[in-house]
């Protein structure tokens, strides 16, 4: 998962204060959105795998 987050702008995980000063507010928002969606997708995939293991 860390590889995906690095690809999706790991600076966003550290918070806006740690982002380069050259990054515009719009770019910061976009980076945050990308990281959030990557986390949700990874968690969704993990949950799907766990549910698939369950027997009814």
PDB file of N, CA and C in Angstrom:
ATOM      1  N   UNK A   1       0.830  -1.187   0.000  1.00  0.00           N
ATOM      2  CA  UNK A   1       0.000   0.000   0.000  1.00  0.00           C
ATOM      3  C   UNK A   1       0.877   1.254   0.000  1.00  0.00           C
ATOM      4  N   UNK A   2       2.012   1.185   0.673  1.00  0.00           N
ATOM      5  CA  UNK A   2       2.881   2.358   0.730  1.00  0.00           C
ATOM      6  C   UNK A   2       3.339   2.774  -0.661  1.00  0.00           C
ATOM      7  N   UNK A   3       3.591   1.806  -1.529  1.00  0.00           N
ATOM      8  CA  UNK A   3       4.006   2.131  -2.898  1.00  0.00           C
ATOM      9  C   UNK A   3       2.924   2.917  -3.616  1.00  0.00           C
ATOM     10  N   UNK A   4       1.681   2.544  -3.395  1.00  0.00           N
ATOM     11  CA  UNK A   4       0.564   3.259  -4.022  1.00  0.00           C
ATOM     12  C   UNK A   4       0.493   4.680  -3.480  1.00  0.00           C
ATOM     13  N   UNK A   5       0.669   4.826  -2.175  1.00  0.00           N
ATOM     14  CA  UNK A   5       0.592   6.156  -1.578  1.00  0.00           C
ATOM     15  C   UNK A   5       1.744   7.043  -2.022  1.00  0.00           C
ATOM     16  N   UNK A   6       2.928   6.465  -2.169  1.00  0.00           N
ATOM     17  CA  UNK A   6       4.058   7.252  -2.674  1.00  0.00           C
ATOM     18  C   UNK A   6       3.761   7.728  -4.083  1.00  0.00           C
ATOM     19  N   UNK A   7       3.188   6.841  -4.884  1.00  0.00           N
ATOM     20  CA  UNK A   7       2.824   7.196  -6.255  1.00  0.00           C
ATOM     21  C   UNK A   7       1.766   8.293  -6.262  1.00  0.00           C
ATOM     22  N   UNK A   8       0.904   8.306  -5.279  1.00  0.00           N
ATOM     23  CA  UNK A   8      -0.201   9.260  -5.220  1.00  0.00           C
ATOM     24  C   UNK A   8       0.109  10.477  -4.354  1.00  0.00           C
ATOM     25  N   UNK A   9       1.374  10.825  -4.203  1.00  0.00           N
ATOM     26  CA  UNK A   9       1.778  12.048  -3.507  1.00  0.00           C
ATOM     27  C   UNK A   9       1.781  11.875  -1.985  1.00  0.00           C
ATOM     28  N   UNK A  10       2.797  11.221  -1.487  1.00  0.00           N
ATOM     29  CA  UNK A  10       2.903  10.952  -0.057  1.00  0.00           C
ATOM     30  C   UNK A  10       3.005  12.236   0.772  1.00  0.00           C
ATOM     31  N   UNK A  11       3.393  13.344   0.152  1.00  0.00           N
ATOM     32  CA  UNK A  11       3.465  14.603   0.892  1.00  0.00           C
ATOM     33  C   UNK A  11       2.112  14.951   1.514  1.00  0.00           C
ATOM     34  N   UNK A  12       1.056  14.549   0.862  1.00  0.00           N
ATOM     35  CA  UNK A  12      -0.279  14.857   1.361  1.00  0.00           C
ATOM     36  C   UNK A  12      -0.543  14.169   2.693  1.00  0.00           C
ATOM     37  N   UNK A  13       0.074  13.019   2.929  1.00  0.00           N
ATOM     38  CA  UNK A  13      -0.124  12.309   4.186  1.00  0.00           C
ATOM     39  C   UNK A  13       0.505  13.046   5.360  1.00  0.00           C
ATOM     40  N   UNK A  14       1.541  13.818   5.090  1.00  0.00           N
ATOM     41  CA  UNK A  14       2.246  14.540   6.145  1.00  0.00           C
ATOM     42  C   UNK A  14       1.525  15.826   6.526  1.00  0.00           C
ATOM     43  N   UNK A  15       0.559  16.235   5.731  1.00  0.00           N
ATOM     44  CA  UNK A  15      -0.178  17.459   5.993  1.00  0.00           C
ATOM     45  C   UNK A  15       0.263  18.593   5.089  1.00  0.00           C
ATOM     46  N   UNK A  16      -0.597  19.568   4.966  1.00  0.00           N
ATOM     47  CA  UNK A  16      -0.319  20.685   4.063  1.00  0.00           C
ATOM     48  C   UNK A  16       0.904  21.489   4.492  1.00  0.00           C
ATOM     49  N   UNK A  17       1.209  21.505   5.780  1.00  0.00           N
ATOM     50  CA  UNK A  17       2.358  22.272   6.267  1.00  0.00           C
ATOM     51  C   UNK A  17       3.679  21.706   5.750  1.00  0.00           C
ATOM     52  N   UNK A  18       3.706  20.415   5.412  1.00  0.00           N
ATOM     53  CA  UNK A  18       4.930  19.777   4.933  1.00  0.00           C
ATOM     54  C   UNK A  18       5.033  19.750   3.412  1.00  0.00           C
ATOM     55  N   UNK A  19       4.042  20.260   2.737  1.00  0.00           N
ATOM     56  CA  UNK A  19       4.083  20.303   1.275  1.00  0.00           C
ATOM     57  C   UNK A  19       4.972  21.467   0.833  1.00  0.00           C
ATOM     58  N   UNK A  20       5.615  21.334  -0.317  1.00  0.00           N
ATOM     59  CA  UNK A  20       6.461  22.431  -0.807  1.00  0.00           C
ATOM     60  C   UNK A  20       5.664  23.728  -0.967  1.00  0.00           C
ATOM     61  N   UNK A  21       6.324  24.837  -0.739  1.00  0.00           N
ATOM     62  CA  UNK A  21       5.670  26.143  -0.848  1.00  0.00           C
ATOM     63  C   UNK A  21       5.246  26.441  -2.277  1.00  0.00           C
ATOM     64  N   UNK A  22       5.848  25.764  -3.242  1.00  0.00           N
ATOM     65  CA  UNK A  22       5.527  26.017  -4.647  1.00  0.00           C
ATOM     66  C   UNK A  22       4.216  25.363  -5.082  1.00  0.00           C
ATOM     67  N   UNK A  23       3.651  24.526  -4.216  1.00  0.00           N
ATOM     68  CA  UNK A  23       2.407  23.832  -4.558  1.00  0.00           C
ATOM     69  C   UNK A  23       1.233  24.778  -4.302  1.00  0.00           C
ATOM     70  N   UNK A  24       0.387  24.948  -5.300  1.00  0.00           N
ATOM     71  CA  UNK A  24      -0.773  25.834  -5.166  1.00  0.00           C
ATOM     72  C   UNK A  24      -1.850  25.169  -4.311  1.00  0.00           C
ATOM     73  N   UNK A  25      -2.766  25.963  -3.753  1.00  0.00           N
ATOM     74  CA  UNK A  25      -3.858  25.377  -2.975  1.00  0.00           C
ATOM     75  C   UNK A  25      -4.681  24.366  -3.781  1.00  0.00           C
ATOM     76  N   UNK A  26      -4.881  24.633  -5.061  1.00  0.00           N
ATOM     77  CA  UNK A  26      -5.634  23.694  -5.903  1.00  0.00           C
ATOM     78  C   UNK A  26      -4.881  22.370  -6.037  1.00  0.00           C
ATOM     79  N   UNK A  27      -3.560  22.447  -6.184  1.00  0.00           N
ATOM     80  CA  UNK A  27      -2.745  21.231  -6.282  1.00  0.00           C
ATOM     81  C   UNK A  27      -2.746  20.463  -4.962  1.00  0.00           C
ATOM     82  N   UNK A  28      -2.741  21.190  -3.847  1.00  0.00           N
ATOM     83  CA  UNK A  28      -2.801  20.545  -2.531  1.00  0.00           C
ATOM     84  C   UNK A  28      -4.112  19.785  -2.374  1.00  0.00           C
ATOM     85  N   UNK A  29      -5.195  20.413  -2.783  1.00  0.00           N
ATOM     86  CA  UNK A  29      -6.496  19.754  -2.708  1.00  0.00           C
ATOM     87  C   UNK A  29      -6.523  18.513  -3.582  1.00  0.00           C
ATOM     88  N   UNK A  30      -5.978  18.619  -4.781  1.00  0.00           N
ATOM     89  CA  UNK A  30      -5.936  17.477  -5.695  1.00  0.00           C
ATOM     90  C   UNK A  30      -5.095  16.340  -5.113  1.00  0.00           C
ATOM     91  N   UNK A  31      -3.956  16.669  -4.510  1.00  0.00           N
ATOM     92  CA  UNK A  31      -3.109  15.652  -3.897  1.00  0.00           C
ATOM     93  C   UNK A  31      -3.837  14.959  -2.756  1.00  0.00           C
ATOM     94  N   UNK A  32      -4.510  15.742  -1.919  1.00  0.00           N
ATOM     95  CA  UNK A  32      -5.265  15.170  -0.805  1.00  0.00           C
ATOM     96  C   UNK A  32      -6.369  14.249  -1.307  1.00  0.00           C
ATOM     97  N   UNK A  33      -7.059  14.657  -2.349  1.00  0.00           N
ATOM     98  CA  UNK A  33      -8.131  13.837  -2.911  1.00  0.00           C
ATOM     99  C   UNK A  33      -7.595  12.526  -3.474  1.00  0.00           C
ATOM    100  N   UNK A  34      -6.445  12.582  -4.151  1.00  0.00           N
ATOM    101  CA  UNK A  34      -5.849  11.371  -4.722  1.00  0.00           C
ATOM    102  C   UNK A  34      -5.448  10.381  -3.632  1.00  0.00           C
ATOM    103  N   UNK A  35      -4.830  10.899  -2.578  1.00  0.00           N
ATOM    104  CA  UNK A  35      -4.405  10.022  -1.491  1.00  0.00           C
ATOM    105  C   UNK A  35      -5.614   9.421  -0.790  1.00  0.00           C
ATOM    106  N   UNK A  36      -6.625  10.219  -0.548  1.00  0.00           N
ATOM    107  CA  UNK A  36      -7.831   9.716   0.100  1.00  0.00           C
ATOM    108  C   UNK A  36      -8.475   8.611  -0.722  1.00  0.00           C
ATOM    109  N   UNK A  37      -8.579   8.812  -2.016  1.00  0.00           N
ATOM    110  CA  UNK A  37      -9.198   7.787  -2.859  1.00  0.00           C
ATOM    111  C   UNK A  37      -8.339   6.528  -2.911  1.00  0.00           C
ATOM    112  N   UNK A  38      -7.013   6.670  -2.900  1.00  0.00           N
ATOM    113  CA  UNK A  38      -6.128   5.499  -2.892  1.00  0.00           C
ATOM    114  C   UNK A  38      -6.312   4.699  -1.612  1.00  0.00           C
ATOM    115  N   UNK A  39      -6.422   5.386  -0.483  1.00  0.00           N
ATOM    116  CA  UNK A  39      -6.630   4.700   0.792  1.00  0.00           C
ATOM    117  C   UNK A  39      -7.968   3.980   0.792  1.00  0.00           C
ATOM    118  N   UNK A  40      -9.007   4.643   0.332  1.00  0.00           N
ATOM    119  CA  UNK A  40     -10.338   4.031   0.296  1.00  0.00           C
ATOM    120  C   UNK A  40     -10.345   2.812  -0.607  1.00  0.00           C
ATOM    121  N   UNK A  41      -9.718   2.913  -1.774  1.00  0.00           N
ATOM    122  CA  UNK A  41      -9.671   1.776  -2.694  1.00  0.00           C
ATOM    123  C   UNK A  41      -8.896   0.607  -2.096  1.00  0.00           C
ATOM    124  N   UNK A  42      -7.790   0.878  -1.442  1.00  0.00           N
ATOM    125  CA  UNK A  42      -6.999  -0.199  -0.830  1.00  0.00           C
ATOM    126  C   UNK A  42      -7.763  -0.856   0.310  1.00  0.00           C
ATOM    127  N   UNK A  43      -8.406  -0.053   1.131  1.00  0.00           N
ATOM    128  CA  UNK A  43      -9.192  -0.624   2.221  1.00  0.00           C
ATOM    129  C   UNK A  43     -10.377  -1.404   1.677  1.00  0.00           C
ATOM    130  N   UNK A  44     -11.010  -0.872   0.633  1.00  0.00           N
ATOM    131  CA  UNK A  44     -12.137  -1.573   0.018  1.00  0.00           C
ATOM    132  C   UNK A  44     -11.721  -2.920  -0.522  1.00  0.00           C
ATOM    133  N   UNK A  45     -10.545  -2.990  -1.134  1.00  0.00           N
ATOM    134  CA  UNK A  45     -10.044  -4.243  -1.676  1.00  0.00           C
ATOM    135  C   UNK A  45      -9.774  -5.236  -0.560  1.00  0.00           C
ATOM    136  N   UNK A  46      -9.201  -4.758   0.549  1.00  0.00           N
ATOM    137  CA  UNK A  46      -8.910  -5.641   1.680  1.00  0.00           C
ATOM    138  C   UNK A  46     -10.205  -6.183   2.274  1.00  0.00           C
ATOM    139  N   UNK A  47     -11.192  -5.334   2.423  1.00  0.00           N
ATOM    140  CA  UNK A  47     -12.479  -5.768   2.966  1.00  0.00           C
ATOM    141  C   UNK A  47     -13.126  -6.784   2.040  1.00  0.00           C
ATOM    142  N   UNK A  48     -13.061  -6.553   0.730  1.00  0.00           N
ATOM    143  CA  UNK A  48     -13.629  -7.508  -0.215  1.00  0.00           C
ATOM    144  C   UNK A  48     -12.961  -8.865  -0.098  1.00  0.00           C
ATOM    145  N   UNK A  49     -11.642  -8.887   0.081  1.00  0.00           N
ATOM    146  CA  UNK A  49     -10.925 -10.156   0.227  1.00  0.00           C
ATOM    147  C   UNK A  49     -11.329 -10.861   1.510  1.00  0.00           C
ATOM    148  N   UNK A  50     -11.506 -10.096   2.590  1.00  0.00           N
ATOM    149  CA  UNK A  50     -11.913 -10.696   3.858  1.00  0.00           C
ATOM    150  C   UNK A  50     -13.321 -11.276   3.755  1.00  0.00           C
ATOM    151  N   UNK A  51     -14.212 -10.564   3.109  1.00  0.00           N
ATOM    152  CA  UNK A  51     -15.587 -11.044   2.948  1.00  0.00           C
ATOM    153  C   UNK A  51     -15.609 -12.279   2.061  1.00  0.00           C
ATOM    154  N   UNK A  52     -14.773 -12.299   1.043  1.00  0.00           N
ATOM    155  CA  UNK A  52     -14.728 -13.447   0.137  1.00  0.00           C
ATOM    156  C   UNK A  52     -14.282 -14.711   0.862  1.00  0.00           C
ATOM    157  N   UNK A  53     -13.499 -14.572   1.924  1.00  0.00           N
ATOM    158  CA  UNK A  53     -13.037 -15.729   2.694  1.00  0.00           C
ATOM    159  C   UNK A  53     -14.142 -16.327   3.563  1.00  0.00           C
ATOM    160  N   UNK A  54     -15.120 -15.522   3.912  1.00  0.00           N
ATOM    161  CA  UNK A  54     -16.191 -15.975   4.799  1.00  0.00           C
ATOM    162  C   UNK A  54     -17.090 -16.991   4.111  1.00  0.00           C
ATOM    163  N   UNK A  55     -17.547 -17.944   4.903  1.00  0.00           N
ATOM    164  CA  UNK A  55     -18.497 -18.934   4.389  1.00  0.00           C
ATOM    165  C   UNK A  55     -19.881 -18.599   4.913  1.00  0.00           C
ATOM    166  N   UNK A  56     -20.886 -18.867   4.097  1.00  0.00           N
ATOM    167  CA  UNK A  56     -22.258 -18.574   4.522  1.00  0.00           C
ATOM    168  C   UNK A  56     -22.927 -19.796   5.065  1.00  0.00           C
TER     169      UNK A  56
END
